[in-house]
Amino acid sequence: MWNPFRVFFVKQDLPLDAKNADSYFEKLIKYIPADIVAAWLAIDGILKDQTTNPLWLVWSVFAFLTVLTPLYIVYMKTDPPGFGPAKTFHWMASTLAFVVFIFALGGPFALTFDWYRPLYGTVVLILTTLLLPLFERFFTRQLPTIPPKK
């Protein structure tokens, strides 16, 4: 029987520079696409300096960077470059991390939706940072290391 989720259960590579002994924080930081977030912060700063900006421009920049994230991850941050089943979790987690980070900052969400509150972004960011390493363990099939008994 064909399983559409089969690609998620292929042995996944860890982020570049990751080791099995990396701490929770070290693993989490490796999934956040810092270059893409820096690009967002720079462009967002430029847009905020302007007196008026069309809402479509802010959403377009966000959409462009969201689409760029997986491409940047698989072609610039992994070796060998290119998409592959073993990189699926890495690029998906990085894309999710980027979207959640921008949601936490407000970004186009705060400009568009009346229901948006910074509290929502904070809660989503905290939950995502807790869940990403759990998902990583599940999708990369890493078992917890139990120190040997002495």
Protein backbone atom coordinates (compact mmCIF):
# COMPACT_ATOMS: atom_id res chain seq x y z
CA MET A 1 0.00 0.00 0.00
CA TRP A 2 1.31 3.45 -0.91
CA ASN A 3 2.11 5.64 2.09
CA PRO A 4 2.20 9.42 1.42
CA PHE A 5 4.21 9.93 4.62
CA ARG A 6 6.90 7.46 3.56
CA VAL A 7 9.37 10.27 2.88
CA PHE A 8 9.20 11.33 6.53
CA PHE A 9 10.25 7.94 7.79
CA VAL A 10 13.36 7.62 5.64
CA LYS A 11 16.51 7.99 7.71
CA GLN A 12 16.94 11.76 7.92
CA ASP A 13 20.24 13.60 8.05
CA LEU A 14 20.93 15.87 10.97
CA PRO A 15 21.64 19.52 10.19
CA LEU A 16 25.13 20.24 8.92
CA ASP A 17 27.57 20.35 11.87
CA ALA A 18 25.15 18.46 14.13
CA LYS A 19 26.33 15.61 16.29
CA ASN A 20 24.35 13.05 18.22
CA ALA A 21 25.82 14.54 21.41
CA ASP A 22 24.58 18.07 20.65
CA SER A 23 22.48 19.61 23.39
CA TYR A 24 18.83 20.49 22.87
CA PHE A 25 19.72 24.16 22.38
CA GLU A 26 22.53 23.41 19.90
CA LYS A 27 20.22 21.24 17.78
CA LEU A 28 17.47 23.85 17.85
CA ILE A 29 19.76 26.67 16.77
CA LYS A 30 20.94 24.61 13.79
CA TYR A 31 17.39 24.45 12.43
CA ILE A 32 16.77 28.21 12.55
CA PRO A 33 17.72 29.70 9.19
CA ALA A 34 19.73 32.64 10.56
CA ASP A 35 20.63 34.02 7.11
CA ILE A 36 16.98 34.15 6.06
CA VAL A 37 15.91 35.67 9.39
CA ALA A 38 18.66 38.30 9.03
CA ALA A 39 17.38 39.12 5.53
CA TRP A 40 13.85 39.52 6.93
CA LEU A 41 15.05 41.80 9.73
CA ALA A 42 17.02 43.98 7.30
CA ILE A 43 14.16 44.30 4.80
CA ASP A 44 11.61 44.79 7.58
CA GLY A 45 13.74 47.62 9.01
CA ILE A 46 13.92 49.28 5.61
CA LEU A 47 10.16 48.95 5.09
CA LYS A 48 9.38 50.35 8.55
CA ASP A 49 11.48 53.44 7.77
CA GLN A 50 9.14 54.30 4.91
CA THR A 51 6.05 56.37 5.63
CA THR A 52 3.69 54.06 3.76
CA ASN A 53 4.05 50.54 2.49
CA PRO A 54 1.45 48.53 0.65
CA LEU A 55 0.47 45.45 2.62
CA TRP A 56 1.08 43.26 -0.43
CA LEU A 57 4.77 44.23 -0.34
CA VAL A 58 5.25 43.00 3.23
CA TRP A 59 3.40 39.76 2.46
CA SER A 60 5.40 39.33 -0.78
CA VAL A 61 8.72 39.64 1.04
CA PHE A 62 7.53 37.15 3.68
CA ALA A 63 6.31 34.70 1.00
CA PHE A 64 9.52 35.04 -1.01
CA LEU A 65 11.71 34.35 2.02
CA THR A 66 9.50 31.45 3.09
CA VAL A 67 9.88 29.83 -0.34
CA LEU A 68 13.59 30.64 -0.37
CA THR A 69 14.20 28.96 3.01
CA PRO A 70 14.07 25.29 1.90
CA LEU A 71 16.04 26.09 -1.25
CA TYR A 72 18.67 27.90 0.76
CA ILE A 73 18.87 25.08 3.30
CA VAL A 74 19.32 22.25 0.78
CA TYR A 75 21.60 24.09 -1.67
CA MET A 76 23.69 26.28 0.64
CA LYS A 77 23.68 24.61 4.06
CA THR A 78 23.90 20.89 3.32
CA ASP A 79 26.39 18.73 1.53
CA PRO A 80 25.89 17.42 -1.11
CA PRO A 81 23.59 20.19 -2.30
CA GLY A 82 20.08 19.33 -3.48
CA PHE A 83 16.85 17.88 -2.22
CA GLY A 84 16.76 14.31 -1.05
CA PRO A 85 14.70 12.14 1.27
CA ALA A 86 17.34 12.37 3.99
CA LYS A 87 17.03 16.17 4.07
CA THR A 88 13.24 16.39 4.25
CA PHE A 89 12.97 17.02 7.97
CA HIS A 90 15.78 19.56 7.96
CA TRP A 91 14.29 21.84 5.31
CA MET A 92 10.74 21.45 6.64
CA ALA A 93 11.83 22.26 10.20
CA SER A 94 13.79 25.29 9.01
CA THR A 95 10.86 26.60 7.03
CA LEU A 96 8.53 26.13 9.98
CA ALA A 97 11.07 27.81 12.30
CA PHE A 98 11.26 30.81 9.97
CA VAL A 99 7.46 31.21 9.76
CA VAL A 100 7.06 30.86 13.52
CA PHE A 101 9.87 33.34 14.18
CA ILE A 102 8.26 35.95 11.92
CA PHE A 103 4.87 35.26 13.51
CA ALA A 104 6.45 35.88 16.92
CA LEU A 105 7.92 39.17 15.68
CA GLY A 106 4.53 40.21 14.29
CA GLY A 107 5.56 40.67 10.67
CA PRO A 108 2.72 40.80 8.18
CA PHE A 109 0.46 38.94 10.62
CA ALA A 110 0.31 41.90 13.01
CA LEU A 111 -0.40 44.28 10.11
CA THR A 112 -3.16 42.16 8.61
CA PHE A 113 -5.09 40.40 11.34
CA ASP A 114 -6.96 42.26 14.08
CA TRP A 115 -6.90 39.16 16.27
CA TYR A 116 -3.08 39.03 16.35
CA ARG A 117 -1.46 39.73 19.72
CA PRO A 118 2.27 39.46 20.51
CA LEU A 119 1.34 36.97 23.22
CA TYR A 120 0.18 34.51 20.53
CA GLY A 121 3.53 34.74 18.76
CA THR A 122 5.39 34.15 22.00
CA VAL A 123 3.32 31.08 22.87
CA VAL A 124 3.69 29.59 19.38
CA LEU A 125 7.44 30.24 19.44
CA ILE A 126 7.86 28.52 22.81
CA LEU A 127 5.79 25.51 21.75
CA THR A 128 7.68 25.21 18.48
CA THR A 129 11.05 25.30 20.22
CA LEU A 130 9.86 22.52 22.50
CA LEU A 131 8.42 20.39 19.71
CA LEU A 132 11.14 20.65 17.04
CA PRO A 133 13.70 18.52 18.91
CA LEU A 134 10.98 15.99 19.73
CA PHE A 135 9.99 15.80 16.06
CA GLU A 136 13.66 15.57 15.13
CA ARG A 137 14.11 12.55 17.37
CA PHE A 138 10.99 10.92 15.91
CA PHE A 139 11.73 11.62 12.25
CA THR A 140 15.45 10.92 12.41
CA ARG A 141 14.75 7.83 14.50
CA GLN A 142 17.31 8.72 17.10
CA LEU A 143 16.94 6.82 20.30
CA PRO A 144 17.81 8.49 23.57
CA THR A 145 21.28 7.63 24.73
CA ILE A 146 21.31 5.95 28.09
CA PRO A 147 24.64 6.11 29.88
CA PRO A 148 26.08 2.70 30.71
CA LYS A 149 25.75 1.50 34.29
CA LYS A 150 28.93 1.45 36.28
